[in-house]
Amino acid sequence: MSDFEKVKNFILDMGFAISHEEPKEELVVIDDDERGIKNLVIDCESPILILEQVIIPMPQDSSDFCKRILQINRTLVHGAFVLDEEGTTLLFRDTLQLENLDRNELEGSIDALSLALAEYASELVSFVRG
């Protein structure tokens, strides 16, 4: 079984809905509205698995916001809040090794995103609204 098939099986076993799939690119997109998971991209880029979800656009004056993001990152169990290449969008990103990946590890990363959103979503949105 390929790494991609293994990851897909883990995702389906966890009860997530796959909203989009690109088998040639070895990536899936999952959703779980109750857990704050919306368009979470899970991409097999051997030797790593990349999990990435857009969170919010960056506010215009972002120096205080960036400082707060770094403080929040310190509390996260897995992954981190990061900026896209243009610095205009806040993302959640985590990477895992594919070679020894198990379901619990993948589930822990997804749970970390869900927990971070539950704990910090309103604060993050308040920065954007100013």
Protein backbone atom coordinates (compact mmCIF):
# COMPACT_ATOMS: atom_id res chain seq x y z
CA MET A 1 0.00 0.00 0.00
CA SER A 2 1.33 3.45 -0.92
CA ASP A 3 1.80 6.21 1.65
CA PHE A 4 -1.05 8.09 0.00
CA GLU A 5 -3.44 5.15 0.35
CA LYS A 6 -2.36 4.67 3.97
CA VAL A 7 -3.05 8.35 4.74
CA LYS A 8 -6.43 8.22 3.01
CA ASN A 9 -7.39 5.13 5.00
CA PHE A 10 -6.42 6.86 8.26
CA ILE A 11 -8.51 9.90 7.32
CA LEU A 12 -11.55 7.80 6.44
CA ASP A 13 -11.14 5.66 9.59
CA MET A 14 -11.21 8.88 11.65
CA GLY A 15 -14.54 9.78 10.05
CA PHE A 16 -13.44 12.82 8.06
CA ALA A 17 -15.11 13.77 4.80
CA ILE A 18 -12.76 14.06 1.85
CA SER A 19 -14.05 17.09 -0.05
CA HIS A 20 -11.39 17.00 -2.78
CA GLU A 21 -8.79 14.52 -3.93
CA GLU A 22 -5.91 14.68 -6.38
CA PRO A 23 -4.43 11.16 -6.58
CA LYS A 24 -1.65 12.14 -9.02
CA GLU A 25 -0.52 14.88 -6.62
CA GLU A 26 -1.14 12.56 -3.65
CA LEU A 27 -3.21 15.08 -1.75
CA VAL A 28 -6.64 15.26 -0.20
CA VAL A 29 -8.67 18.06 1.30
CA ILE A 30 -10.83 17.33 4.34
CA ASP A 31 -13.58 19.10 6.25
CA ASP A 32 -15.15 18.76 9.67
CA ASP A 33 -17.13 21.89 10.50
CA GLU A 34 -17.72 20.87 14.11
CA ARG A 35 -13.97 20.81 14.73
CA GLY A 36 -13.15 23.94 12.73
CA ILE A 37 -11.51 21.92 9.97
CA LYS A 38 -12.25 23.58 6.63
CA ASN A 39 -10.27 22.80 3.50
CA LEU A 40 -7.40 21.18 5.39
CA VAL A 41 -4.93 20.10 2.71
CA ILE A 42 -3.10 16.87 3.48
CA ASP A 43 -0.29 16.37 0.99
CA CYS A 44 2.08 13.41 0.69
CA GLU A 45 5.42 14.92 -0.34
CA SER A 46 7.73 12.02 0.38
CA PRO A 47 9.42 11.79 2.82
CA ILE A 48 6.98 14.09 4.67
CA LEU A 49 3.26 14.61 5.04
CA ILE A 50 2.20 18.26 4.99
CA LEU A 51 -0.98 19.47 6.68
CA GLU A 52 -2.00 23.03 5.85
CA GLN A 53 -5.16 25.08 6.38
CA VAL A 54 -5.85 28.73 5.61
CA ILE A 55 -6.93 30.52 8.78
CA ILE A 56 -7.44 34.24 8.05
CA PRO A 57 -6.03 37.11 5.97
CA MET A 58 -3.31 39.09 7.68
CA PRO A 59 -4.31 42.45 9.13
CA GLN A 60 -2.81 45.60 7.58
CA ASP A 61 -0.81 46.60 10.64
CA SER A 62 0.46 43.21 11.69
CA SER A 63 3.40 43.77 14.03
CA ASP A 64 1.38 43.18 17.23
CA PHE A 65 -0.46 40.36 15.52
CA CYS A 66 2.78 38.63 14.50
CA LYS A 67 4.08 38.91 18.05
CA ARG A 68 0.88 37.33 19.35
CA ILE A 69 1.09 34.51 16.78
CA LEU A 70 4.58 33.66 17.99
CA GLN A 71 3.29 33.56 21.57
CA ILE A 72 0.41 31.30 20.55
CA ASN A 73 2.78 29.00 18.63
CA ARG A 74 4.58 28.29 21.88
CA THR A 75 1.40 26.73 23.28
CA LEU A 76 0.54 24.49 20.33
CA VAL A 77 0.96 20.75 20.74
CA HIS A 78 1.69 20.13 17.03
CA GLY A 79 2.20 22.41 14.08
CA ALA A 80 2.37 26.17 14.00
CA PHE A 81 0.66 29.24 12.64
CA VAL A 82 2.69 30.51 9.67
CA LEU A 83 2.45 33.08 6.89
CA ASP A 84 2.16 32.28 3.20
CA GLU A 85 4.98 33.34 0.86
CA GLU A 86 3.39 36.74 0.24
CA GLY A 87 2.82 37.39 3.94
CA THR A 88 -0.86 38.08 3.33
CA THR A 89 -2.49 34.96 4.80
CA LEU A 90 -2.20 33.17 8.12
CA LEU A 91 -2.07 29.37 7.81
CA PHE A 92 -1.81 26.44 10.16
CA ARG A 93 0.94 24.05 9.05
CA ASP A 94 2.34 20.81 10.36
CA THR A 95 4.69 18.23 8.87
CA LEU A 96 5.04 14.56 9.77
CA GLN A 97 7.39 11.82 8.61
CA LEU A 98 5.63 9.42 6.22
CA GLU A 99 7.95 6.49 6.82
CA ASN A 100 6.67 5.68 10.33
CA LEU A 101 3.37 7.56 10.26
CA ASP A 102 0.56 5.99 12.24
CA ARG A 103 -3.06 6.95 12.67
CA ASN A 104 -2.57 8.34 16.19
CA GLU A 105 0.15 10.72 15.01
CA LEU A 106 -1.98 12.04 12.15
CA GLU A 107 -5.01 12.33 14.40
CA GLY A 108 -2.92 14.20 16.98
CA SER A 109 -1.89 16.78 14.39
CA ILE A 110 -5.46 17.31 13.23
CA ASP A 111 -6.63 17.51 16.86
CA ALA A 112 -3.95 20.13 17.55
CA LEU A 113 -5.37 22.30 14.77
CA SER A 114 -8.90 21.84 16.08
CA LEU A 115 -7.81 22.68 19.64
CA ALA A 116 -5.87 25.76 18.50
CA LEU A 117 -8.89 27.03 16.60
CA ALA A 118 -11.22 26.39 19.52
CA GLU A 119 -8.89 28.23 21.86
CA TYR A 120 -7.70 31.13 19.69
CA ALA A 121 -10.13 31.67 16.78
CA SER A 122 -12.01 34.60 18.29
CA GLU A 123 -8.75 36.31 19.26
CA LEU A 124 -7.30 35.84 15.77
CA VAL A 125 -10.44 37.17 14.12
CA SER A 126 -10.47 40.20 16.43
CA PHE A 127 -7.03 41.22 15.10
CA VAL A 128 -8.33 41.14 11.55
CA ARG A 129 -11.44 43.15 12.36
CA GLY A 130 -9.30 45.71 14.18
